[in-house]
Amino acid sequence: YRPTAVRQRLRALALVAALVSAPLLAGCEDDDPFGFNDWTLAPDTVFLYSLARPELNLASGFNVNQRRLIRVEAAGSTGTWDFLVNTEEGRLVFLTPSAVGLDTESAVVPMPGETFDGIREAPADTALYVRDRSVPIELGQLYVVRTNQQSGSFGRRCVYYGKLEPLEVDPVGGTLRFRYDASPLCNSRSLVPPED
């Protein structure tokens, strides 16, 4: 038994581990280092109901990364929704979980003067992201959505970004139809594939 030799071997193993993991960790900040090389734009259309409607089991919420409609029973319900549609003072609004007292990273950014195809990246300025209050939904106004934190590859914590454009806003009927697309890349603000 030689303590010096053991210490040297442990240092060598730690150095190898650091060299192997460095490229993986470097990619965590901006994108998923493993992939989605075949990511293509896939805009889709979604129809949501205001949570204020009296009927039960209507889809009022949306999960951006999973591209999934969510039935939200009440605004304070926990779950996997990144935003929901509600009615306030006769108009439709987006609500994030934080706006109803849940602690999440989900947020919405109004993007005045932008076009759907013109939004190529989510804003870097975190002060623009609205988390703690409602965001009015207006025709002609585009929005960027940041998701709640989720588990990514190798246990990383990821947020994802998407963009959306209201196509039909009906405050009286309590319905919203919008077009959206989202990035599958962990922590990447890019809203278009790398080759575009």
N, C-alpha and C. Protein backbone atom coordinates (compact mmCIF):
# COMPACT_ATOMS: atom_id res chain seq x y z
N TYR A 1 0.85 -1.19 0.00
CA TYR A 1 0.00 0.00 0.00
C TYR A 1 0.88 1.24 0.00
N ARG A 2 0.68 2.09 -1.05
CA ARG A 2 1.49 3.31 -1.14
C ARG A 2 0.55 4.50 -1.31
N PRO A 3 0.35 5.30 -0.26
CA PRO A 3 -0.59 6.43 -0.32
C PRO A 3 -0.28 7.41 -1.43
N THR A 4 1.00 7.65 -1.73
CA THR A 4 1.35 8.60 -2.78
C THR A 4 0.88 8.11 -4.14
N ALA A 5 1.06 6.85 -4.44
CA ALA A 5 0.64 6.28 -5.73
C ALA A 5 -0.87 6.34 -5.87
N VAL A 6 -1.59 6.07 -4.80
CA VAL A 6 -3.06 6.13 -4.84
C VAL A 6 -3.53 7.55 -5.11
N ARG A 7 -2.90 8.52 -4.44
CA ARG A 7 -3.28 9.91 -4.66
C ARG A 7 -3.01 10.34 -6.10
N GLN A 8 -1.89 9.91 -6.65
CA GLN A 8 -1.56 10.25 -8.04
C GLN A 8 -2.57 9.65 -9.01
N ARG A 9 -2.96 8.41 -8.74
CA ARG A 9 -3.94 7.75 -9.61
C ARG A 9 -5.30 8.45 -9.53
N LEU A 10 -5.70 8.85 -8.33
CA LEU A 10 -6.97 9.57 -8.17
C LEU A 10 -6.94 10.92 -8.88
N ARG A 11 -5.80 11.62 -8.80
CA ARG A 11 -5.67 12.89 -9.51
C ARG A 11 -5.77 12.68 -11.02
N ALA A 12 -5.13 11.62 -11.52
CA ALA A 12 -5.18 11.32 -12.95
C ALA A 12 -6.61 11.01 -13.40
N LEU A 13 -7.32 10.23 -12.60
CA LEU A 13 -8.72 9.91 -12.92
C LEU A 13 -9.59 11.17 -12.91
N ALA A 14 -9.36 12.05 -11.94
CA ALA A 14 -10.14 13.29 -11.87
C ALA A 14 -9.86 14.17 -13.08
N LEU A 15 -8.60 14.21 -13.54
CA LEU A 15 -8.25 14.99 -14.71
C LEU A 15 -8.94 14.45 -15.96
N VAL A 16 -8.92 13.12 -16.12
CA VAL A 16 -9.59 12.50 -17.27
C VAL A 16 -11.08 12.79 -17.23
N ALA A 17 -11.71 12.67 -16.06
CA ALA A 17 -13.14 12.95 -15.94
C ALA A 17 -13.45 14.39 -16.30
N ALA A 18 -12.58 15.31 -15.87
CA ALA A 18 -12.81 16.73 -16.17
C ALA A 18 -12.68 16.99 -17.67
N LEU A 19 -11.70 16.37 -18.31
CA LEU A 19 -11.52 16.57 -19.74
C LEU A 19 -12.67 16.00 -20.55
N VAL A 20 -13.20 14.86 -20.11
CA VAL A 20 -14.31 14.24 -20.84
C VAL A 20 -15.59 15.03 -20.65
N SER A 21 -15.84 15.53 -19.44
CA SER A 21 -17.11 16.21 -19.18
C SER A 21 -17.12 17.67 -19.62
N ALA A 22 -15.98 18.29 -19.83
CA ALA A 22 -15.94 19.71 -20.17
C ALA A 22 -16.73 20.05 -21.42
N PRO A 23 -16.59 19.31 -22.54
CA PRO A 23 -17.39 19.65 -23.72
C PRO A 23 -18.89 19.48 -23.48
N LEU A 24 -19.25 18.49 -22.66
CA LEU A 24 -20.68 18.28 -22.39
C LEU A 24 -21.25 19.43 -21.59
N LEU A 25 -20.51 19.86 -20.57
CA LEU A 25 -21.00 20.95 -19.74
C LEU A 25 -20.98 22.27 -20.49
N ALA A 26 -20.04 22.45 -21.38
CA ALA A 26 -19.98 23.70 -22.16
C ALA A 26 -21.23 23.85 -23.00
N GLY A 27 -21.77 22.77 -23.48
CA GLY A 27 -22.96 22.84 -24.32
C GLY A 27 -24.23 23.07 -23.54
N CYS A 28 -24.21 22.93 -22.22
CA CYS A 28 -25.43 23.04 -21.44
C CYS A 28 -25.99 24.45 -21.42
N GLU A 29 -25.14 25.44 -21.53
CA GLU A 29 -25.60 26.81 -21.42
C GLU A 29 -26.53 27.19 -22.56
N ASP A 30 -26.19 26.81 -23.79
CA ASP A 30 -26.90 27.34 -24.93
C ASP A 30 -27.76 26.34 -25.68
N ASP A 31 -27.34 25.08 -25.72
CA ASP A 31 -28.12 24.14 -26.51
C ASP A 31 -27.81 22.72 -26.09
N ASP A 32 -28.50 21.79 -26.70
CA ASP A 32 -28.33 20.38 -26.42
C ASP A 32 -27.17 19.87 -27.26
N PRO A 33 -26.04 19.45 -26.64
CA PRO A 33 -24.88 19.05 -27.43
C PRO A 33 -25.11 17.77 -28.21
N PHE A 34 -26.18 17.06 -27.92
CA PHE A 34 -26.40 15.79 -28.59
C PHE A 34 -27.49 15.85 -29.62
N GLY A 35 -27.90 17.09 -29.94
CA GLY A 35 -28.77 16.82 -30.97
C GLY A 35 -29.82 17.64 -31.53
N PHE A 36 -30.76 16.92 -32.00
CA PHE A 36 -31.82 17.45 -32.82
C PHE A 36 -31.23 18.05 -34.08
N ASN A 37 -30.22 17.34 -34.64
CA ASN A 37 -29.64 17.78 -35.90
C ASN A 37 -30.68 17.76 -37.01
N ASP A 38 -31.71 16.95 -36.84
CA ASP A 38 -32.75 16.87 -37.86
C ASP A 38 -33.95 17.76 -37.52
N TRP A 39 -33.77 18.71 -36.61
CA TRP A 39 -34.85 19.61 -36.23
C TRP A 39 -35.28 20.42 -37.45
N THR A 40 -36.56 20.40 -37.72
CA THR A 40 -37.13 21.24 -38.78
C THR A 40 -38.27 22.04 -38.19
N LEU A 41 -38.54 23.17 -38.79
CA LEU A 41 -39.65 23.98 -38.34
C LEU A 41 -40.95 23.19 -38.52
N ALA A 42 -41.81 23.25 -37.52
CA ALA A 42 -43.06 22.50 -37.57
C ALA A 42 -44.19 23.31 -36.94
N PRO A 43 -44.52 24.47 -37.53
CA PRO A 43 -45.59 25.27 -36.94
C PRO A 43 -46.90 24.50 -36.94
N ASP A 44 -47.68 24.74 -35.91
CA ASP A 44 -48.97 24.06 -35.76
C ASP A 44 -49.98 25.06 -35.21
N THR A 45 -51.25 24.67 -35.26
CA THR A 45 -52.32 25.53 -34.78
C THR A 45 -52.99 24.88 -33.57
N VAL A 46 -53.30 25.69 -32.56
CA VAL A 46 -53.89 25.20 -31.32
C VAL A 46 -55.15 26.01 -31.02
N PHE A 47 -56.14 25.34 -30.44
CA PHE A 47 -57.40 25.98 -30.03
C PHE A 47 -57.55 25.77 -28.53
N LEU A 48 -57.65 26.87 -27.76
CA LEU A 48 -57.82 26.80 -26.31
C LEU A 48 -59.07 27.55 -25.89
N TYR A 49 -59.59 27.14 -24.74
CA TYR A 49 -60.76 27.77 -24.13
C TYR A 49 -60.34 28.56 -22.90
N SER A 50 -61.01 29.64 -22.65
CA SER A 50 -60.77 30.41 -21.43
C SER A 50 -61.13 29.57 -20.22
N LEU A 51 -60.31 29.67 -19.19
CA LEU A 51 -60.59 28.97 -17.94
C LEU A 51 -61.89 29.49 -17.31
N ALA A 52 -62.31 30.68 -17.68
CA ALA A 52 -63.52 31.28 -17.11
C ALA A 52 -64.81 30.65 -17.64
N ARG A 53 -64.73 29.87 -18.71
CA ARG A 53 -65.95 29.23 -19.23
C ARG A 53 -66.49 28.25 -18.20
N PRO A 54 -67.82 28.10 -18.13
CA PRO A 54 -68.41 27.26 -17.08
C PRO A 54 -68.26 25.75 -17.31
N GLU A 55 -68.03 25.33 -18.56
CA GLU A 55 -67.95 23.90 -18.83
C GLU A 55 -66.69 23.29 -18.20
N LEU A 56 -66.79 22.03 -17.83
CA LEU A 56 -65.65 21.32 -17.27
C LEU A 56 -64.88 20.61 -18.39
N ASN A 57 -63.64 20.28 -18.10
CA ASN A 57 -62.80 19.47 -18.99
C ASN A 57 -62.51 20.10 -20.35
N LEU A 58 -62.44 21.42 -20.40
CA LEU A 58 -62.01 22.08 -21.63
C LEU A 58 -60.52 22.39 -21.52
N ALA A 59 -59.80 22.26 -22.62
CA ALA A 59 -58.37 22.54 -22.62
C ALA A 59 -58.15 24.05 -22.54
N SER A 60 -57.59 24.50 -21.42
CA SER A 60 -57.28 25.92 -21.22
C SER A 60 -55.79 26.19 -21.18
N GLY A 61 -55.00 25.14 -20.95
CA GLY A 61 -53.56 25.30 -20.81
C GLY A 61 -52.80 24.64 -21.93
N PHE A 62 -51.51 25.01 -22.03
CA PHE A 62 -50.68 24.46 -23.09
C PHE A 62 -49.27 24.22 -22.57
N ASN A 63 -48.70 23.08 -22.94
CA ASN A 63 -47.31 22.74 -22.64
C ASN A 63 -46.52 22.91 -23.93
N VAL A 64 -45.64 23.88 -23.96
CA VAL A 64 -44.93 24.26 -25.19
C VAL A 64 -43.98 23.17 -25.66
N ASN A 65 -43.15 22.66 -24.75
CA ASN A 65 -42.14 21.68 -25.16
C ASN A 65 -42.78 20.37 -25.62
N GLN A 66 -43.82 19.93 -24.92
CA GLN A 66 -44.49 18.68 -25.29
C GLN A 66 -45.55 18.88 -26.37
N ARG A 67 -45.82 20.15 -26.72
CA ARG A 67 -46.82 20.48 -27.73
C ARG A 67 -48.16 19.82 -27.38
N ARG A 68 -48.59 20.06 -26.15
CA ARG A 68 -49.74 19.33 -25.64
C ARG A 68 -50.76 20.26 -24.98
N LEU A 69 -52.03 20.03 -25.31
CA LEU A 69 -53.12 20.73 -24.64
C LEU A 69 -53.27 20.17 -23.23
N ILE A 70 -53.59 21.06 -22.28
CA ILE A 70 -53.74 20.65 -20.89
C ILE A 70 -55.11 21.11 -20.38
N ARG A 71 -55.83 20.20 -19.76
CA ARG A 71 -57.09 20.57 -19.09
C ARG A 71 -56.74 21.03 -17.68
N VAL A 72 -56.98 22.29 -17.40
CA VAL A 72 -56.65 22.89 -16.11
C VAL A 72 -57.96 23.11 -15.37
N GLU A 73 -58.08 22.53 -14.18
CA GLU A 73 -59.34 22.63 -13.43
C GLU A 73 -59.53 23.99 -12.78
N ALA A 74 -58.44 24.59 -12.32
CA ALA A 74 -58.49 25.91 -11.70
C ALA A 74 -57.13 26.56 -11.91
N ALA A 75 -57.11 27.87 -11.88
CA ALA A 75 -55.87 28.59 -12.18
C ALA A 75 -54.71 28.17 -11.29
N GLY A 76 -54.99 27.82 -10.04
CA GLY A 76 -53.94 27.42 -9.12
C GLY A 76 -53.55 25.96 -9.19
N SER A 77 -54.13 25.21 -10.11
CA SER A 77 -53.81 23.78 -10.23
C SER A 77 -52.38 23.59 -10.69
N THR A 78 -51.68 22.72 -10.00
CA THR A 78 -50.33 22.40 -10.45
C THR A 78 -50.42 21.46 -11.64
N GLY A 79 -49.36 21.36 -12.37
CA GLY A 79 -49.37 20.49 -13.53
C GLY A 79 -48.25 20.87 -14.47
N THR A 80 -48.41 20.47 -15.71
CA THR A 80 -47.33 20.66 -16.68
C THR A 80 -47.63 21.77 -17.67
N TRP A 81 -48.50 22.70 -17.33
CA TRP A 81 -48.83 23.77 -18.26
C TRP A 81 -47.84 24.93 -18.12
N ASP A 82 -47.51 25.52 -19.28
CA ASP A 82 -46.62 26.69 -19.30
C ASP A 82 -47.41 27.99 -19.29
N PHE A 83 -48.61 27.98 -19.86
CA PHE A 83 -49.52 29.11 -19.78
C PHE A 83 -50.93 28.60 -19.96
N LEU A 84 -51.87 29.39 -19.50
CA LEU A 84 -53.27 29.09 -19.76
C LEU A 84 -53.95 30.36 -20.23
N VAL A 85 -55.14 30.17 -20.79
CA VAL A 85 -55.94 31.30 -21.28
C VAL A 85 -57.05 31.55 -20.26
N ASN A 86 -57.25 32.81 -19.91
CA ASN A 86 -58.30 33.18 -18.97
C ASN A 86 -58.98 34.45 -19.47
N THR A 87 -60.06 34.82 -18.84
CA THR A 87 -60.78 36.04 -19.18
C THR A 87 -60.69 37.01 -18.00
N GLU A 88 -60.25 38.23 -18.28
CA GLU A 88 -60.19 39.28 -17.26
C GLU A 88 -60.75 40.56 -17.85
N GLU A 89 -61.73 41.14 -17.18
CA GLU A 89 -62.33 42.41 -17.59
C GLU A 89 -62.74 42.40 -19.06
N GLY A 90 -63.33 41.28 -19.49
CA GLY A 90 -63.87 41.18 -20.84
C GLY A 90 -62.86 40.91 -21.94
N ARG A 91 -61.62 40.61 -21.57
CA ARG A 91 -60.63 40.30 -22.60
C ARG A 91 -59.90 39.01 -22.23
N LEU A 92 -59.34 38.35 -23.26
CA LEU A 92 -58.57 37.13 -23.03
C LEU A 92 -57.14 37.51 -22.64
N VAL A 93 -56.59 36.72 -21.71
CA VAL A 93 -55.21 36.95 -21.25
C VAL A 93 -54.49 35.62 -21.13
N PHE A 94 -53.16 35.68 -21.22
CA PHE A 94 -52.30 34.55 -20.87
C PHE A 94 -51.98 34.66 -19.39
N LEU A 95 -52.01 33.52 -18.71
CA LEU A 95 -51.53 33.44 -17.33
C LEU A 95 -50.46 32.37 -17.26
N THR A 96 -49.33 32.70 -16.64
CA THR A 96 -48.31 31.69 -16.37
C THR A 96 -48.58 31.13 -14.98
N PRO A 97 -47.98 30.00 -14.63
CA PRO A 97 -48.18 29.47 -13.27
C PRO A 97 -47.78 30.46 -12.18
N SER A 98 -46.72 31.24 -12.39
CA SER A 98 -46.30 32.21 -11.37
C SER A 98 -47.34 33.31 -11.16
N ALA A 99 -48.12 33.61 -12.19
CA ALA A 99 -49.15 34.65 -12.07
C ALA A 99 -50.27 34.23 -11.13
N VAL A 100 -50.36 32.93 -10.85
CA VAL A 100 -51.39 32.44 -9.92
C VAL A 100 -50.77 31.85 -8.67
N GLY A 101 -49.50 32.22 -8.40
CA GLY A 101 -48.87 31.84 -7.14
C GLY A 101 -48.03 30.59 -7.16
N LEU A 102 -47.85 29.95 -8.32
CA LEU A 102 -46.99 28.77 -8.40
C LEU A 102 -45.59 29.21 -8.82
N ASP A 103 -44.58 28.60 -8.26
CA ASP A 103 -43.20 29.01 -8.52
C ASP A 103 -42.63 28.23 -9.69
N THR A 104 -42.58 28.85 -10.87
CA THR A 104 -42.02 28.21 -12.06
C THR A 104 -41.22 29.24 -12.86
N GLU A 105 -40.53 28.75 -13.88
CA GLU A 105 -39.77 29.61 -14.77
C GLU A 105 -40.58 30.06 -15.99
N SER A 106 -41.78 29.52 -16.15
CA SER A 106 -42.61 29.86 -17.32
C SER A 106 -42.85 31.36 -17.39
N ALA A 107 -42.80 31.90 -18.61
CA ALA A 107 -42.99 33.33 -18.80
C ALA A 107 -43.41 33.61 -20.23
N VAL A 108 -44.00 34.77 -20.45
CA VAL A 108 -44.46 35.21 -21.76
C VAL A 108 -43.87 36.58 -22.05
N VAL A 109 -43.45 36.80 -23.31
CA VAL A 109 -42.92 38.10 -23.73
C VAL A 109 -43.73 38.59 -24.93
N PRO A 110 -44.44 39.71 -24.81
CA PRO A 110 -45.05 40.31 -26.01
C PRO A 110 -43.94 40.80 -26.94
N MET A 111 -44.15 40.61 -28.25
CA MET A 111 -43.14 40.99 -29.25
C MET A 111 -43.76 41.97 -30.24
N PRO A 112 -43.95 43.23 -29.85
CA PRO A 112 -44.60 44.20 -30.73
C PRO A 112 -43.82 44.43 -32.02
N GLY A 113 -44.57 44.55 -33.11
CA GLY A 113 -43.97 44.87 -34.40
C GLY A 113 -43.28 43.71 -35.09
N GLU A 114 -43.34 42.51 -34.52
CA GLU A 114 -42.68 41.35 -35.12
C GLU A 114 -43.64 40.54 -35.97
N THR A 115 -43.06 39.74 -36.87
CA THR A 115 -43.84 38.76 -37.64
C THR A 115 -43.44 37.38 -37.14
N PHE A 116 -44.29 36.39 -37.43
CA PHE A 116 -44.03 35.03 -36.98
C PHE A 116 -42.68 34.54 -37.50
N ASP A 117 -42.45 34.69 -38.79
CA ASP A 117 -41.19 34.23 -39.37
C ASP A 117 -40.01 35.11 -38.98
N GLY A 118 -40.31 36.35 -38.60
CA GLY A 118 -39.24 37.27 -38.22
C GLY A 118 -38.65 37.02 -36.85
N ILE A 119 -39.37 36.31 -36.00
CA ILE A 119 -38.84 36.01 -34.66
C ILE A 119 -37.95 34.78 -34.78
N ARG A 120 -36.66 35.01 -34.73
CA ARG A 120 -35.69 33.92 -34.90
C ARG A 120 -35.02 33.53 -33.58
N GLU A 121 -35.20 34.38 -32.56
CA GLU A 121 -34.56 34.11 -31.27
C GLU A 121 -35.38 34.74 -30.16
N ALA A 122 -35.48 34.03 -29.05
CA ALA A 122 -36.16 34.57 -27.87
C ALA A 122 -35.29 35.68 -27.27
N PRO A 123 -35.90 36.70 -26.68
CA PRO A 123 -35.11 37.79 -26.09
C PRO A 123 -34.16 37.30 -25.01
N ALA A 124 -32.99 37.91 -24.96
CA ALA A 124 -31.99 37.58 -23.93
C ALA A 124 -32.27 38.33 -22.63
N ASP A 125 -32.94 39.48 -22.72
CA ASP A 125 -33.20 40.32 -21.55
C ASP A 125 -34.31 39.69 -20.70
N THR A 126 -33.94 39.14 -19.56
CA THR A 126 -34.91 38.45 -18.72
C THR A 126 -35.96 39.41 -18.13
N ALA A 127 -35.66 40.70 -18.09
CA ALA A 127 -36.61 41.68 -17.56
C ALA A 127 -37.84 41.81 -18.45
N LEU A 128 -37.75 41.39 -19.71
CA LEU A 128 -38.88 41.46 -20.62
C LEU A 128 -39.92 40.37 -20.37
N TYR A 129 -39.52 39.31 -19.71
CA TYR A 129 -40.39 38.15 -19.51
C TYR A 129 -41.38 38.40 -18.38
N VAL A 130 -42.66 38.21 -18.69
CA VAL A 130 -43.73 38.45 -17.71
C VAL A 130 -44.08 37.11 -17.06
N ARG A 131 -43.94 37.06 -15.73
CA ARG A 131 -44.22 35.83 -14.99
C ARG A 131 -45.33 36.01 -13.97
N ASP A 132 -45.45 37.19 -13.39
CA ASP A 132 -46.27 37.36 -12.19
C ASP A 132 -47.57 38.11 -12.41
N ARG A 133 -47.97 38.29 -13.66
CA ARG A 133 -49.24 38.97 -13.93
C ARG A 133 -49.76 38.50 -15.29
N SER A 134 -51.00 38.82 -15.57
CA SER A 134 -51.59 38.41 -16.84
C SER A 134 -51.03 39.22 -18.00
N VAL A 135 -51.07 38.62 -19.20
CA VAL A 135 -50.61 39.28 -20.42
C VAL A 135 -51.78 39.32 -21.39
N PRO A 136 -52.27 40.50 -21.77
CA PRO A 136 -53.41 40.59 -22.69
C PRO A 136 -53.10 39.93 -24.03
N ILE A 137 -54.08 39.21 -24.57
CA ILE A 137 -53.93 38.55 -25.87
C ILE A 137 -54.58 39.44 -26.92
N GLU A 138 -53.79 39.82 -27.92
CA GLU A 138 -54.29 40.72 -28.96
C GLU A 138 -53.95 40.18 -30.34
N LEU A 139 -54.89 40.35 -31.27
CA LEU A 139 -54.60 40.03 -32.67
C LEU A 139 -53.51 40.97 -33.17
N GLY A 140 -52.62 40.48 -33.99
CA GLY A 140 -51.54 41.29 -34.51
C GLY A 140 -50.33 41.38 -33.61
N GLN A 141 -50.46 40.87 -32.38
CA GLN A 141 -49.36 40.88 -31.41
C GLN A 141 -48.77 39.47 -31.34
N LEU A 142 -47.46 39.35 -31.46
CA LEU A 142 -46.83 38.05 -31.31
C LEU A 142 -46.22 37.92 -29.92
N TYR A 143 -45.94 36.66 -29.53
CA TYR A 143 -45.45 36.38 -28.18
C TYR A 143 -44.37 35.31 -28.23
N VAL A 144 -43.42 35.40 -27.32
CA VAL A 144 -42.45 34.33 -27.09
C VAL A 144 -42.76 33.76 -25.72
N VAL A 145 -42.68 32.43 -25.61
CA VAL A 145 -42.98 31.74 -24.36
C VAL A 145 -41.73 30.98 -23.91
N ARG A 146 -41.42 31.11 -22.63
CA ARG A 146 -40.36 30.29 -22.01
C ARG A 146 -41.05 29.26 -21.13
N THR A 147 -40.61 28.01 -21.20
CA THR A 147 -41.24 26.95 -20.42
C THR A 147 -40.72 26.92 -19.00
N ASN A 148 -41.39 26.12 -18.18
CA ASN A 148 -40.87 25.83 -16.86
C ASN A 148 -39.64 24.94 -17.01
N GLN A 149 -38.81 24.88 -15.97
CA GLN A 149 -37.65 24.00 -16.01
C GLN A 149 -38.09 22.55 -16.06
N GLN A 150 -37.39 21.76 -16.88
CA GLN A 150 -37.68 20.34 -17.04
C GLN A 150 -36.37 19.59 -17.07
N SER A 151 -36.44 18.30 -16.90
CA SER A 151 -35.24 17.47 -16.98
C SER A 151 -34.87 17.27 -18.43
N GLY A 152 -33.60 17.50 -18.73
CA GLY A 152 -33.08 17.23 -20.07
C GLY A 152 -32.17 16.02 -20.03
N SER A 153 -31.36 15.85 -21.06
CA SER A 153 -30.45 14.72 -21.11
C SER A 153 -29.40 14.86 -20.01
N PHE A 154 -28.96 13.74 -19.49
CA PHE A 154 -27.94 13.66 -18.44
C PHE A 154 -28.35 14.45 -17.19
N GLY A 155 -29.65 14.54 -16.93
CA GLY A 155 -30.13 15.18 -15.71
C GLY A 155 -30.03 16.69 -15.69
N ARG A 156 -29.73 17.31 -16.83
CA ARG A 156 -29.64 18.77 -16.85
C ARG A 156 -31.03 19.38 -16.65
N ARG A 157 -31.05 20.60 -16.15
CA ARG A 157 -32.29 21.35 -16.02
C ARG A 157 -32.40 22.25 -17.24
N CYS A 158 -33.51 22.13 -17.96
CA CYS A 158 -33.67 22.84 -19.22
C CYS A 158 -34.93 23.69 -19.21
N VAL A 159 -34.86 24.83 -19.90
CA VAL A 159 -36.06 25.54 -20.31
C VAL A 159 -36.06 25.53 -21.84
N TYR A 160 -37.24 25.66 -22.41
CA TYR A 160 -37.39 25.67 -23.86
C TYR A 160 -38.15 26.92 -24.25
N TYR A 161 -38.03 27.31 -25.51
CA TYR A 161 -38.67 28.53 -25.98
C TYR A 161 -39.53 28.24 -27.19
N GLY A 162 -40.63 28.98 -27.29
CA GLY A 162 -41.51 28.89 -28.44
C GLY A 162 -42.04 30.26 -28.78
N LYS A 163 -42.64 30.37 -29.96
CA LYS A 163 -43.26 31.64 -30.37
C LYS A 163 -44.69 31.34 -30.80
N LEU A 164 -45.55 32.33 -30.62
CA LEU A 164 -46.94 32.11 -31.01
C LEU A 164 -47.58 33.38 -31.54
N GLU A 165 -48.57 33.16 -32.40
CA GLU A 165 -49.29 34.26 -33.04
C GLU A 165 -50.79 33.98 -32.94
N PRO A 166 -51.55 34.82 -32.22
CA PRO A 166 -52.99 34.64 -32.19
C PRO A 166 -53.60 34.79 -33.58
N LEU A 167 -54.47 33.86 -33.95
CA LEU A 167 -55.15 33.91 -35.24
C LEU A 167 -56.62 34.30 -35.07
N GLU A 168 -57.25 33.84 -34.00
CA GLU A 168 -58.64 34.20 -33.68
C GLU A 168 -58.75 34.40 -32.18
N VAL A 169 -59.18 35.58 -31.78
CA VAL A 169 -59.36 35.90 -30.36
C VAL A 169 -60.83 36.24 -30.16
N ASP A 170 -61.54 35.43 -29.38
CA ASP A 170 -62.97 35.64 -29.14
C ASP A 170 -63.22 35.78 -27.64
N PRO A 171 -63.17 37.02 -27.12
CA PRO A 171 -63.38 37.21 -25.68
C PRO A 171 -64.79 36.84 -25.24
N VAL A 172 -65.78 37.05 -26.10
CA VAL A 172 -67.17 36.73 -25.72
C VAL A 172 -67.35 35.22 -25.61
N GLY A 173 -66.88 34.49 -26.61
CA GLY A 173 -66.98 33.03 -26.57
C GLY A 173 -65.93 32.38 -25.70
N GLY A 174 -64.90 33.14 -25.33
CA GLY A 174 -63.84 32.59 -24.48
C GLY A 174 -62.98 31.58 -25.20
N THR A 175 -62.61 31.88 -26.44
CA THR A 175 -61.77 30.94 -27.21
C THR A 175 -60.61 31.67 -27.87
N LEU A 176 -59.54 30.92 -28.07
CA LEU A 176 -58.34 31.44 -28.72
C LEU A 176 -57.81 30.37 -29.67
N ARG A 177 -57.52 30.77 -30.90
CA ARG A 177 -56.82 29.91 -31.84
C ARG A 177 -55.51 30.61 -32.19
N PHE A 178 -54.39 29.89 -32.07
CA PHE A 178 -53.10 30.50 -32.35
C PHE A 178 -52.19 29.52 -33.09
N ARG A 179 -51.23 30.10 -33.79
CA ARG A 179 -50.18 29.33 -34.46
C ARG A 179 -48.93 29.44 -33.60
N TYR A 180 -48.18 28.34 -33.51
CA TYR A 180 -46.97 28.36 -32.69
C TYR A 180 -45.92 27.42 -33.28
N ASP A 181 -44.71 27.60 -32.83
CA ASP A 181 -43.63 26.65 -33.08
C ASP A 181 -42.70 26.75 -31.88
N ALA A 182 -41.91 25.71 -31.64
CA ALA A 182 -41.04 25.68 -30.47
C ALA A 182 -39.74 24.98 -30.79
N SER A 183 -38.70 25.37 -30.07
CA SER A 183 -37.39 24.76 -30.22
C SER A 183 -37.28 23.54 -29.31
N PRO A 184 -36.68 22.45 -29.79
CA PRO A 184 -36.45 21.29 -28.94
C PRO A 184 -35.09 21.32 -28.24
N LEU A 185 -34.36 22.44 -28.36
CA LEU A 185 -33.01 22.52 -27.81
C LEU A 185 -33.02 23.06 -26.39
N CYS A 186 -32.38 22.34 -25.50
CA CYS A 186 -32.29 22.70 -24.09
C CYS A 186 -31.58 24.04 -23.91
N ASN A 187 -32.26 24.97 -23.26
CA ASN A 187 -31.69 26.28 -22.89
C ASN A 187 -31.25 27.12 -24.07
N SER A 188 -31.72 26.82 -25.26
CA SER A 188 -31.35 27.60 -26.43
C SER A 188 -32.46 28.59 -26.75
N ARG A 189 -32.09 29.85 -26.95
CA ARG A 189 -33.08 30.87 -27.30
C ARG A 189 -33.38 30.89 -28.78
N SER A 190 -32.66 30.11 -29.57
CA SER A 190 -32.89 30.08 -31.01
C SER A 190 -34.25 29.46 -31.31
N LEU A 191 -35.01 30.09 -32.20
CA LEU A 191 -36.33 29.59 -32.57
C LEU A 191 -36.36 29.09 -34.00
N VAL A 192 -35.20 28.93 -34.58
CA VAL A 192 -35.07 28.33 -35.91
C VAL A 192 -33.94 27.31 -35.86
N PRO A 193 -34.01 26.26 -36.69
CA PRO A 193 -32.93 25.26 -36.70
C PRO A 193 -31.60 25.90 -37.07
N PRO A 194 -30.49 25.30 -36.62
CA PRO A 194 -29.17 25.90 -36.83
C PRO A 194 -28.85 26.23 -38.28
N GLU A 195 -29.32 25.42 -39.24
CA GLU A 195 -28.98 25.65 -40.64
C GLU A 195 -29.77 26.78 -41.27
N ASP A 196 -30.85 27.23 -40.62
CA ASP A 196 -31.69 28.28 -41.23
C ASP A 196 -31.08 29.64 -41.01
